[in-house]
């Protein structure tokens, strides 16, 4: 299951993560987010480091990373943004970025 990422645990779970972590910025009212969610959960079940940020509950994080459209997924490596995906993104594309 993907980790719930909040302002409170962002530094520990994302910036200090020892392995690449994919963060899904989403909202309950977003149709494409509801289709992206199961893909993100499948990656988590396969052992990839994955987290989810509810933009309505954590607006400060969405603003900090300039998330203006959802779903947006940001891959963090060594505490920095390495790649960004905006819109519905295939599992294969996400896996490829996580494996790189």
PDB file of N, CA and C in Angstrom:
ATOM      1  N   UNK A   1       0.831  -1.178   0.000  1.00  0.00           N
ATOM      2  CA  UNK A   1       0.000   0.000   0.000  1.00  0.00           C
ATOM      3  C   UNK A   1       0.885   1.255   0.000  1.00  0.00           C
ATOM      4  N   UNK A   2       0.487   2.216  -0.802  1.00  0.00           N
ATOM      5  CA  UNK A   2       1.247   3.463  -0.875  1.00  0.00           C
ATOM      6  C   UNK A   2       1.168   4.195   0.464  1.00  0.00           C
ATOM      7  N   UNK A   3       2.274   4.823   0.843  1.00  0.00           N
ATOM      8  CA  UNK A   3       2.316   5.579   2.100  1.00  0.00           C
ATOM      9  C   UNK A   3       1.544   6.882   1.946  1.00  0.00           C
ATOM     10  N   UNK A   4       0.845   7.276   3.003  1.00  0.00           N
ATOM     11  CA  UNK A   4       0.203   8.585   3.002  1.00  0.00           C
ATOM     12  C   UNK A   4       1.259   9.610   3.382  1.00  0.00           C
ATOM     13  N   UNK A   5       1.479  10.564   2.501  1.00  0.00           N
ATOM     14  CA  UNK A   5       2.499  11.584   2.721  1.00  0.00           C
ATOM     15  C   UNK A   5       1.804  12.889   3.095  1.00  0.00           C
ATOM     16  N   UNK A   6       2.288  13.495   4.169  1.00  0.00           N
ATOM     17  CA  UNK A   6       1.733  14.757   4.651  1.00  0.00           C
ATOM     18  C   UNK A   6       2.869  15.756   4.855  1.00  0.00           C
ATOM     19  N   UNK A   7       2.498  16.976   5.178  1.00  0.00           N
ATOM     20  CA  UNK A   7       3.513  17.985   5.494  1.00  0.00           C
ATOM     21  C   UNK A   7       4.391  17.484   6.646  1.00  0.00           C
ATOM     22  N   UNK A   8       3.772  16.822   7.615  1.00  0.00           N
ATOM     23  CA  UNK A   8       4.484  16.375   8.819  1.00  0.00           C
ATOM     24  C   UNK A   8       5.541  15.299   8.536  1.00  0.00           C
ATOM     25  N   UNK A   9       5.270  14.389   7.587  1.00  0.00           N
ATOM     26  CA  UNK A   9       6.216  13.286   7.372  1.00  0.00           C
ATOM     27  C   UNK A   9       6.973  13.385   6.044  1.00  0.00           C
ATOM     28  N   UNK A  10       6.782  14.465   5.299  1.00  0.00           N
ATOM     29  CA  UNK A  10       7.388  14.589   3.982  1.00  0.00           C
ATOM     30  C   UNK A  10       8.918  14.486   4.030  1.00  0.00           C
ATOM     31  N   UNK A  11       9.529  15.201   4.933  1.00  0.00           N
ATOM     32  CA  UNK A  11      10.999  15.192   4.997  1.00  0.00           C
ATOM     33  C   UNK A  11      11.526  13.784   5.279  1.00  0.00           C
ATOM     34  N   UNK A  12      10.958  13.124   6.267  1.00  0.00           N
ATOM     35  CA  UNK A  12      11.410  11.784   6.649  1.00  0.00           C
ATOM     36  C   UNK A  12      11.158  10.757   5.552  1.00  0.00           C
ATOM     37  N   UNK A  13       9.936  10.739   5.012  1.00  0.00           N
ATOM     38  CA  UNK A  13       9.535   9.707   4.053  1.00  0.00           C
ATOM     39  C   UNK A  13      10.050   9.946   2.633  1.00  0.00           C
ATOM     40  N   UNK A  14      10.213  11.204   2.249  1.00  0.00           N
ATOM     41  CA  UNK A  14      10.571  11.509   0.860  1.00  0.00           C
ATOM     42  C   UNK A  14      11.994  12.046   0.741  1.00  0.00           C
ATOM     43  N   UNK A  15      12.269  13.141   1.384  1.00  0.00           N
ATOM     44  CA  UNK A  15      13.579  13.779   1.213  1.00  0.00           C
ATOM     45  C   UNK A  15      14.717  12.931   1.766  1.00  0.00           C
ATOM     46  N   UNK A  16      14.452  12.148   2.808  1.00  0.00           N
ATOM     47  CA  UNK A  16      15.501  11.313   3.402  1.00  0.00           C
ATOM     48  C   UNK A  16      15.389   9.844   2.983  1.00  0.00           C
ATOM     49  N   UNK A  17      14.544   9.554   2.003  1.00  0.00           N
ATOM     50  CA  UNK A  17      14.378   8.183   1.524  1.00  0.00           C
ATOM     51  C   UNK A  17      15.681   7.689   0.908  1.00  0.00           C
ATOM     52  N   UNK A  18      16.064   6.464   1.253  1.00  0.00           N
ATOM     53  CA  UNK A  18      17.308   5.902   0.731  1.00  0.00           C
ATOM     54  C   UNK A  18      17.154   5.396  -0.694  1.00  0.00           C
ATOM     55  N   UNK A  19      15.905   5.139  -1.118  1.00  0.00           N
ATOM     56  CA  UNK A  19      15.696   4.701  -2.489  1.00  0.00           C
ATOM     57  C   UNK A  19      14.731   5.651  -3.187  1.00  0.00           C
ATOM     58  N   UNK A  20      14.724   5.641  -4.510  1.00  0.00           N
ATOM     59  CA  UNK A  20      13.812   6.529  -5.235  1.00  0.00           C
ATOM     60  C   UNK A  20      12.367   6.300  -4.782  1.00  0.00           C
ATOM     61  N   UNK A  21      11.609   7.374  -4.670  1.00  0.00           N
ATOM     62  CA  UNK A  21      10.217   7.268  -4.250  1.00  0.00           C
ATOM     63  C   UNK A  21       9.341   8.110  -5.179  1.00  0.00           C
ATOM     64  N   UNK A  22       8.256   7.503  -5.608  1.00  0.00           N
ATOM     65  CA  UNK A  22       7.306   8.169  -6.490  1.00  0.00           C
ATOM     66  C   UNK A  22       6.169   8.718  -5.639  1.00  0.00           C
ATOM     67  N   UNK A  23       5.909  10.015  -5.768  1.00  0.00           N
ATOM     68  CA  UNK A  23       4.843  10.656  -4.995  1.00  0.00           C
ATOM     69  C   UNK A  23       3.716  11.059  -5.944  1.00  0.00           C
ATOM     70  N   UNK A  24       2.516  10.572  -5.635  1.00  0.00           N
ATOM     71  CA  UNK A  24       1.313  10.845  -6.414  1.00  0.00           C
ATOM     72  C   UNK A  24       0.528  11.966  -5.740  1.00  0.00           C
ATOM     73  N   UNK A  25       0.438  13.124  -6.399  1.00  0.00           N
ATOM     74  CA  UNK A  25      -0.377  14.235  -5.914  1.00  0.00           C
ATOM     75  C   UNK A  25      -1.762  14.057  -6.519  1.00  0.00           C
ATOM     76  N   UNK A  26      -2.782  13.926  -5.690  1.00  0.00           N
ATOM     77  CA  UNK A  26      -4.114  13.563  -6.150  1.00  0.00           C
ATOM     78  C   UNK A  26      -5.189  14.231  -5.288  1.00  0.00           C
ATOM     79  N   UNK A  27      -6.459  14.036  -5.669  1.00  0.00           N
ATOM     80  CA  UNK A  27      -7.598  14.515  -4.878  1.00  0.00           C
ATOM     81  C   UNK A  27      -8.779  13.574  -5.098  1.00  0.00           C
ATOM     82  N   UNK A  28      -9.647  13.489  -4.110  1.00  0.00           N
ATOM     83  CA  UNK A  28     -10.792  12.576  -4.176  1.00  0.00           C
ATOM     84  C   UNK A  28     -11.779  12.945  -5.279  1.00  0.00           C
ATOM     85  N   UNK A  29     -11.856  14.208  -5.651  1.00  0.00           N
ATOM     86  CA  UNK A  29     -12.817  14.674  -6.657  1.00  0.00           C
ATOM     87  C   UNK A  29     -12.289  14.587  -8.084  1.00  0.00           C
ATOM     88  N   UNK A  30     -11.072  14.127  -8.258  1.00  0.00           N
ATOM     89  CA  UNK A  30     -10.393  14.107  -9.563  1.00  0.00           C
ATOM     90  C   UNK A  30     -10.590  12.749 -10.254  1.00  0.00           C
ATOM     91  N   UNK A  31     -11.349  12.753 -11.353  1.00  0.00           N
ATOM     92  CA  UNK A  31     -11.605  11.517 -12.094  1.00  0.00           C
ATOM     93  C   UNK A  31     -10.347  10.805 -12.564  1.00  0.00           C
ATOM     94  N   UNK A  32      -9.436  11.498 -13.271  1.00  0.00           N
ATOM     95  CA  UNK A  32      -8.205  10.833 -13.705  1.00  0.00           C
ATOM     96  C   UNK A  32      -7.378  10.302 -12.528  1.00  0.00           C
ATOM     97  N   UNK A  33      -7.444  10.994 -11.372  1.00  0.00           N
ATOM     98  CA  UNK A  33      -6.716  10.516 -10.183  1.00  0.00           C
ATOM     99  C   UNK A  33      -7.254   9.160  -9.727  1.00  0.00           C
ATOM    100  N   UNK A  34      -8.564   8.979  -9.858  1.00  0.00           N
ATOM    101  CA  UNK A  34      -9.176   7.715  -9.444  1.00  0.00           C
ATOM    102  C   UNK A  34      -8.740   6.576 -10.360  1.00  0.00           C
ATOM    103  N   UNK A  35      -8.432   6.878 -11.615  1.00  0.00           N
ATOM    104  CA  UNK A  35      -7.925   5.853 -12.525  1.00  0.00           C
ATOM    105  C   UNK A  35      -6.430   5.621 -12.310  1.00  0.00           C
ATOM    106  N   UNK A  36      -5.700   6.672 -11.893  1.00  0.00           N
ATOM    107  CA  UNK A  36      -4.259   6.547 -11.644  1.00  0.00           C
ATOM    108  C   UNK A  36      -3.998   5.785 -10.344  1.00  0.00           C
ATOM    109  N   UNK A  37      -4.858   5.961  -9.358  1.00  0.00           N
ATOM    110  CA  UNK A  37      -4.669   5.370  -8.031  1.00  0.00           C
ATOM    111  C   UNK A  37      -4.353   3.884  -8.031  1.00  0.00           C
ATOM    112  N   UNK A  38      -5.162   3.054  -8.723  1.00  0.00           N
ATOM    113  CA  UNK A  38      -4.863   1.612  -8.727  1.00  0.00           C
ATOM    114  C   UNK A  38      -3.505   1.278  -9.331  1.00  0.00           C
ATOM    115  N   UNK A  39      -3.055   2.052 -10.303  1.00  0.00           N
ATOM    116  CA  UNK A  39      -1.730   1.835 -10.910  1.00  0.00           C
ATOM    117  C   UNK A  39      -0.650   2.105  -9.866  1.00  0.00           C
ATOM    118  N   UNK A  40      -0.811   3.193  -9.127  1.00  0.00           N
ATOM    119  CA  UNK A  40       0.151   3.549  -8.078  1.00  0.00           C
ATOM    120  C   UNK A  40       0.166   2.462  -6.999  1.00  0.00           C
ATOM    121  N   UNK A  41      -1.009   1.969  -6.630  1.00  0.00           N
ATOM    122  CA  UNK A  41      -1.090   0.915  -5.612  1.00  0.00           C
ATOM    123  C   UNK A  41      -0.423  -0.373  -6.093  1.00  0.00           C
ATOM    124  N   UNK A  42      -0.567  -0.704  -7.383  1.00  0.00           N
ATOM    125  CA  UNK A  42       0.093  -1.896  -7.924  1.00  0.00           C
ATOM    126  C   UNK A  42       1.612  -1.776  -7.797  1.00  0.00           C
ATOM    127  N   UNK A  43       2.136  -0.592  -8.061  1.00  0.00           N
ATOM    128  CA  UNK A  43       3.589  -0.379  -7.916  1.00  0.00           C
ATOM    129  C   UNK A  43       4.013  -0.591  -6.470  1.00  0.00           C
ATOM    130  N   UNK A  44       3.213  -0.099  -5.534  1.00  0.00           N
ATOM    131  CA  UNK A  44       3.525  -0.287  -4.109  1.00  0.00           C
ATOM    132  C   UNK A  44       3.525  -1.769  -3.759  1.00  0.00           C
ATOM    133  N   UNK A  45       2.540  -2.509  -4.272  1.00  0.00           N
ATOM    134  CA  UNK A  45       2.449  -3.948  -3.996  1.00  0.00           C
ATOM    135  C   UNK A  45       3.632  -4.709  -4.585  1.00  0.00           C
ATOM    136  N   UNK A  46       4.219  -4.171  -5.659  1.00  0.00           N
ATOM    137  CA  UNK A  46       5.369  -4.815  -6.284  1.00  0.00           C
ATOM    138  C   UNK A  46       6.681  -4.440  -5.599  1.00  0.00           C
ATOM    139  N   UNK A  47       6.609  -3.630  -4.540  1.00  0.00           N
ATOM    140  CA  UNK A  47       7.794  -3.321  -3.763  1.00  0.00           C
ATOM    141  C   UNK A  47       8.446  -1.982  -4.040  1.00  0.00           C
ATOM    142  N   UNK A  48       7.870  -1.210  -4.935  1.00  0.00           N
ATOM    143  CA  UNK A  48       8.419   0.120  -5.199  1.00  0.00           C
ATOM    144  C   UNK A  48       8.033   1.068  -4.071  1.00  0.00           C
ATOM    145  N   UNK A  49       8.884   2.054  -3.821  1.00  0.00           N
ATOM    146  CA  UNK A  49       8.589   3.079  -2.817  1.00  0.00           C
ATOM    147  C   UNK A  49       7.638   4.089  -3.461  1.00  0.00           C
ATOM    148  N   UNK A  50       6.429   4.153  -2.899  1.00  0.00           N
ATOM    149  CA  UNK A  50       5.380   4.992  -3.462  1.00  0.00           C
ATOM    150  C   UNK A  50       4.638   5.688  -2.336  1.00  0.00           C
ATOM    151  N   UNK A  51       4.310   6.964  -2.553  1.00  0.00           N
ATOM    152  CA  UNK A  51       3.527   7.712  -1.584  1.00  0.00           C
ATOM    153  C   UNK A  51       2.444   8.509  -2.275  1.00  0.00           C
ATOM    154  N   UNK A  52       1.434   8.903  -1.504  1.00  0.00           N
ATOM    155  CA  UNK A  52       0.327   9.676  -2.049  1.00  0.00           C
ATOM    156  C   UNK A  52       0.117  10.926  -1.205  1.00  0.00           C
ATOM    157  N   UNK A  53      -0.043  12.071  -1.890  1.00  0.00           N
ATOM    158  CA  UNK A  53      -0.316  13.341  -1.230  1.00  0.00           C
ATOM    159  C   UNK A  53      -1.697  13.808  -1.667  1.00  0.00           C
ATOM    160  N   UNK A  54      -2.632  13.870  -0.720  1.00  0.00           N
ATOM    161  CA  UNK A  54      -3.955  14.429  -0.990  1.00  0.00           C
ATOM    162  C   UNK A  54      -3.783  15.946  -1.019  1.00  0.00           C
ATOM    163  N   UNK A  55      -3.940  16.558  -2.200  1.00  0.00           N
ATOM    164  CA  UNK A  55      -3.645  17.986  -2.340  1.00  0.00           C
ATOM    165  C   UNK A  55      -4.619  18.868  -1.552  1.00  0.00           C
ATOM    166  N   UNK A  56      -5.829  18.368  -1.302  1.00  0.00           N
ATOM    167  CA  UNK A  56      -6.781  19.150  -0.504  1.00  0.00           C
ATOM    168  C   UNK A  56      -6.364  19.210   0.962  1.00  0.00           C
ATOM    169  N   UNK A  57      -5.757  18.139   1.450  1.00  0.00           N
ATOM    170  CA  UNK A  57      -5.331  18.062   2.846  1.00  0.00           C
ATOM    171  C   UNK A  57      -3.926  18.618   3.060  1.00  0.00           C
ATOM    172  N   UNK A  58      -3.141  18.679   1.990  1.00  0.00           N
ATOM    173  CA  UNK A  58      -1.727  19.099   2.089  1.00  0.00           C
ATOM    174  C   UNK A  58      -1.413  20.130   1.008  1.00  0.00           C
ATOM    175  N   UNK A  59      -2.183  21.203   0.997  1.00  0.00           N
ATOM    176  CA  UNK A  59      -2.038  22.239  -0.018  1.00  0.00           C
ATOM    177  C   UNK A  59      -0.634  22.845  -0.039  1.00  0.00           C
ATOM    178  N   UNK A  60      -0.001  22.936   1.120  1.00  0.00           N
ATOM    179  CA  UNK A  60       1.342  23.518   1.189  1.00  0.00           C
ATOM    180  C   UNK A  60       2.340  22.712   0.351  1.00  0.00           C
ATOM    181  N   UNK A  61       2.219  21.375   0.366  1.00  0.00           N
ATOM    182  CA  UNK A  61       3.127  20.553  -0.442  1.00  0.00           C
ATOM    183  C   UNK A  61       2.840  20.746  -1.927  1.00  0.00           C
ATOM    184  N   UNK A  62       1.571  20.799  -2.281  1.00  0.00           N
ATOM    185  CA  UNK A  62       1.208  21.019  -3.683  1.00  0.00           C
ATOM    186  C   UNK A  62       1.760  22.358  -4.165  1.00  0.00           C
ATOM    187  N   UNK A  63       1.668  23.371  -3.345  1.00  0.00           N
ATOM    188  CA  UNK A  63       2.194  24.687  -3.708  1.00  0.00           C
ATOM    189  C   UNK A  63       3.716  24.671  -3.774  1.00  0.00           C
ATOM    190  N   UNK A  64       4.342  24.029  -2.789  1.00  0.00           N
ATOM    191  CA  UNK A  64       5.809  23.976  -2.748  1.00  0.00           C
ATOM    192  C   UNK A  64       6.383  23.360  -4.028  1.00  0.00           C
ATOM    193  N   UNK A  65       5.705  22.330  -4.555  1.00  0.00           N
ATOM    194  CA  UNK A  65       6.210  21.644  -5.748  1.00  0.00           C
ATOM    195  C   UNK A  65       5.486  22.082  -7.020  1.00  0.00           C
ATOM    196  N   UNK A  66       4.781  23.208  -6.918  1.00  0.00           N
ATOM    197  CA  UNK A  66       4.108  23.824  -8.068  1.00  0.00           C
ATOM    198  C   UNK A  66       3.227  22.829  -8.829  1.00  0.00           C
ATOM    199  N   UNK A  67       2.449  22.077  -8.086  1.00  0.00           N
ATOM    200  CA  UNK A  67       1.510  21.142  -8.699  1.00  0.00           C
ATOM    201  C   UNK A  67       0.264  21.938  -9.081  1.00  0.00           C
ATOM    202  N   UNK A  68       0.053  22.112 -10.371  1.00  0.00           N
ATOM    203  CA  UNK A  68      -1.075  22.903 -10.850  1.00  0.00           C
ATOM    204  C   UNK A  68      -2.122  22.057 -11.555  1.00  0.00           C
ATOM    205  N   UNK A  69      -1.796  20.822 -11.848  1.00  0.00           N
ATOM    206  CA  UNK A  69      -2.714  19.902 -12.502  1.00  0.00           C
ATOM    207  C   UNK A  69      -2.547  18.537 -11.852  1.00  0.00           C
ATOM    208  N   UNK A  70      -3.665  17.857 -11.622  1.00  0.00           N
ATOM    209  CA  UNK A  70      -3.562  16.528 -11.025  1.00  0.00           C
ATOM    210  C   UNK A  70      -4.270  15.514 -11.912  1.00  0.00           C
ATOM    211  N   UNK A  71      -3.828  14.260 -11.920  1.00  0.00           N
ATOM    212  CA  UNK A  71      -2.726  13.763 -11.101  1.00  0.00           C
ATOM    213  C   UNK A  71      -1.357  14.229 -11.609  1.00  0.00           C
ATOM    214  N   UNK A  72      -0.494  14.529 -10.671  1.00  0.00           N
ATOM    215  CA  UNK A  72       0.909  14.782 -10.949  1.00  0.00           C
ATOM    216  C   UNK A  72       1.702  13.815 -10.087  1.00  0.00           C
ATOM    217  N   UNK A  73       2.651  13.129 -10.700  1.00  0.00           N
ATOM    218  CA  UNK A  73       3.527  12.240  -9.957  1.00  0.00           C
ATOM    219  C   UNK A  73       4.951  12.743 -10.089  1.00  0.00           C
ATOM    220  N   UNK A  74       5.615  12.840  -8.956  1.00  0.00           N
ATOM    221  CA  UNK A  74       7.002  13.313  -8.950  1.00  0.00           C
ATOM    222  C   UNK A  74       7.883  12.204  -8.384  1.00  0.00           C
ATOM    223  N   UNK A  75       8.918  11.876  -9.138  1.00  0.00           N
ATOM    224  CA  UNK A  75       9.903  10.897  -8.693  1.00  0.00           C
ATOM    225  C   UNK A  75      11.023  11.647  -7.996  1.00  0.00           C
ATOM    226  N   UNK A  76      11.263  11.299  -6.750  1.00  0.00           N
ATOM    227  CA  UNK A  76      12.346  11.904  -5.972  1.00  0.00           C
ATOM    228  C   UNK A  76      13.487  10.898  -5.841  1.00  0.00           C
ATOM    229  N   UNK A  77      14.703  11.379  -6.109  1.00  0.00           N
ATOM    230  CA  UNK A  77      15.911  10.575  -5.910  1.00  0.00           C
ATOM    231  C   UNK A  77      16.880  11.419  -5.112  1.00  0.00           C
ATOM    232  N   UNK A  78      17.417  10.856  -4.062  1.00  0.00           N
ATOM    233  CA  UNK A  78      18.383  11.559  -3.207  1.00  0.00           C
ATOM    234  C   UNK A  78      17.848  12.906  -2.731  1.00  0.00           C
ATOM    235  N   UNK A  79      16.560  12.940  -2.406  1.00  0.00           N
ATOM    236  CA  UNK A  79      15.960  14.147  -1.839  1.00  0.00           C
ATOM    237  C   UNK A  79      15.621  15.252  -2.819  1.00  0.00           C
ATOM    238  N   UNK A  80      15.742  14.967  -4.104  1.00  0.00           N
ATOM    239  CA  UNK A  80      15.452  15.998  -5.107  1.00  0.00           C
ATOM    240  C   UNK A  80      14.532  15.441  -6.194  1.00  0.00           C
ATOM    241  N   UNK A  81      13.787  16.338  -6.825  1.00  0.00           N
ATOM    242  CA  UNK A  81      12.923  15.920  -7.924  1.00  0.00           C
ATOM    243  C   UNK A  81      13.784  15.445  -9.086  1.00  0.00           C
ATOM    244  N   UNK A  82      13.499  14.229  -9.562  1.00  0.00           N
ATOM    245  CA  UNK A  82      14.255  13.664 -10.675  1.00  0.00           C
ATOM    246  C   UNK A  82      13.424  13.642 -11.956  1.00  0.00           C
ATOM    247  N   UNK A  83      12.107  13.456 -11.810  1.00  0.00           N
ATOM    248  CA  UNK A  83      11.245  13.386 -12.988  1.00  0.00           C
ATOM    249  C   UNK A  83       9.816  13.692 -12.558  1.00  0.00           C
ATOM    250  N   UNK A  84       9.057  14.279 -13.490  1.00  0.00           N
ATOM    251  CA  UNK A  84       7.672  14.652 -13.200  1.00  0.00           C
ATOM    252  C   UNK A  84       6.767  14.113 -14.297  1.00  0.00           C
ATOM    253  N   UNK A  85       5.623  13.579 -13.886  1.00  0.00           N
ATOM    254  CA  UNK A  85       4.611  13.073 -14.806  1.00  0.00           C
ATOM    255  C   UNK A  85       3.313  13.823 -14.511  1.00  0.00           C
ATOM    256  N   UNK A  86       2.698  14.388 -15.535  1.00  0.00           N
ATOM    257  CA  UNK A  86       1.444  15.109 -15.342  1.00  0.00           C
ATOM    258  C   UNK A  86       0.369  14.409 -16.164  1.00  0.00           C
ATOM    259  N   UNK A  87      -0.758  14.102 -15.526  1.00  0.00           N
ATOM    260  CA  UNK A  87      -1.840  13.398 -16.198  1.00  0.00           C
ATOM    261  C   UNK A  87      -1.714  11.900 -16.012  1.00  0.00           C
ATOM    262  N   UNK A  88      -2.708  11.203 -16.506  1.00  0.00           N
ATOM    263  CA  UNK A  88      -2.748   9.749 -16.396  1.00  0.00           C
ATOM    264  C   UNK A  88      -1.510   9.149 -17.057  1.00  0.00           C
ATOM    265  N   UNK A  89      -0.752   8.362 -16.308  1.00  0.00           N
ATOM    266  CA  UNK A  89       0.527   7.812 -16.776  1.00  0.00           C
ATOM    267  C   UNK A  89       0.509   6.302 -16.628  1.00  0.00           C
ATOM    268  N   UNK A  90       1.013   5.599 -17.625  1.00  0.00           N
ATOM    269  CA  UNK A  90       0.984   4.136 -17.623  1.00  0.00           C
ATOM    270  C   UNK A  90       1.922   3.556 -16.559  1.00  0.00           C
ATOM    271  N   UNK A  91       1.582   2.369 -16.120  1.00  0.00           N
ATOM    272  CA  UNK A  91       2.401   1.646 -15.146  1.00  0.00           C
ATOM    273  C   UNK A  91       3.795   1.400 -15.714  1.00  0.00           C
ATOM    274  N   UNK A  92       3.870   1.064 -16.995  1.00  0.00           N
ATOM    275  CA  UNK A  92       5.154   0.771 -17.624  1.00  0.00           C
ATOM    276  C   UNK A  92       6.067   2.001 -17.602  1.00  0.00           C
ATOM    277  N   UNK A  93       5.491   3.168 -17.893  1.00  0.00           N
ATOM    278  CA  UNK A  93       6.301   4.401 -17.893  1.00  0.00           C
ATOM    279  C   UNK A  93       6.812   4.725 -16.501  1.00  0.00           C
ATOM    280  N   UNK A  94       5.956   4.533 -15.507  1.00  0.00           N
ATOM    281  CA  UNK A  94       6.356   4.803 -14.107  1.00  0.00           C
ATOM    282  C   UNK A  94       7.415   3.806 -13.650  1.00  0.00           C
ATOM    283  N   UNK A  95       7.220   2.519 -13.979  1.00  0.00           N
ATOM    284  CA  UNK A  95       8.202   1.498 -13.601  1.00  0.00           C
ATOM    285  C   UNK A  95       9.549   1.791 -14.229  1.00  0.00           C
ATOM    286  N   UNK A  96       9.537   2.186 -15.485  1.00  0.00           N
ATOM    287  CA  UNK A  96      10.769   2.499 -16.190  1.00  0.00           C
ATOM    288  C   UNK A  96      11.546   3.599 -15.488  1.00  0.00           C
ATOM    289  N   UNK A  97      10.837   4.624 -15.037  1.00  0.00           N
ATOM    290  CA  UNK A  97      11.496   5.732 -14.339  1.00  0.00           C
ATOM    291  C   UNK A  97      12.010   5.285 -12.965  1.00  0.00           C
ATOM    292  N   UNK A  98      11.238   4.460 -12.270  1.00  0.00           N
ATOM    293  CA  UNK A  98      11.663   3.983 -10.956  1.00  0.00           C
ATOM    294  C   UNK A  98      12.885   3.062 -11.059  1.00  0.00           C
ATOM    295  N   UNK A  99      12.952   2.299 -12.138  1.00  0.00           N
ATOM    296  CA  UNK A  99      14.054   1.337 -12.328  1.00  0.00           C
ATOM    297  C   UNK A  99      15.326   2.004 -12.854  1.00  0.00           C
ATOM    298  N   UNK A 100      15.209   3.189 -13.433  1.00  0.00           N
ATOM    299  CA  UNK A 100      16.367   3.845 -14.063  1.00  0.00           C
ATOM    300  C   UNK A 100      17.409   4.269 -13.043  1.00  0.00           C
TER     301      UNK A 100
END
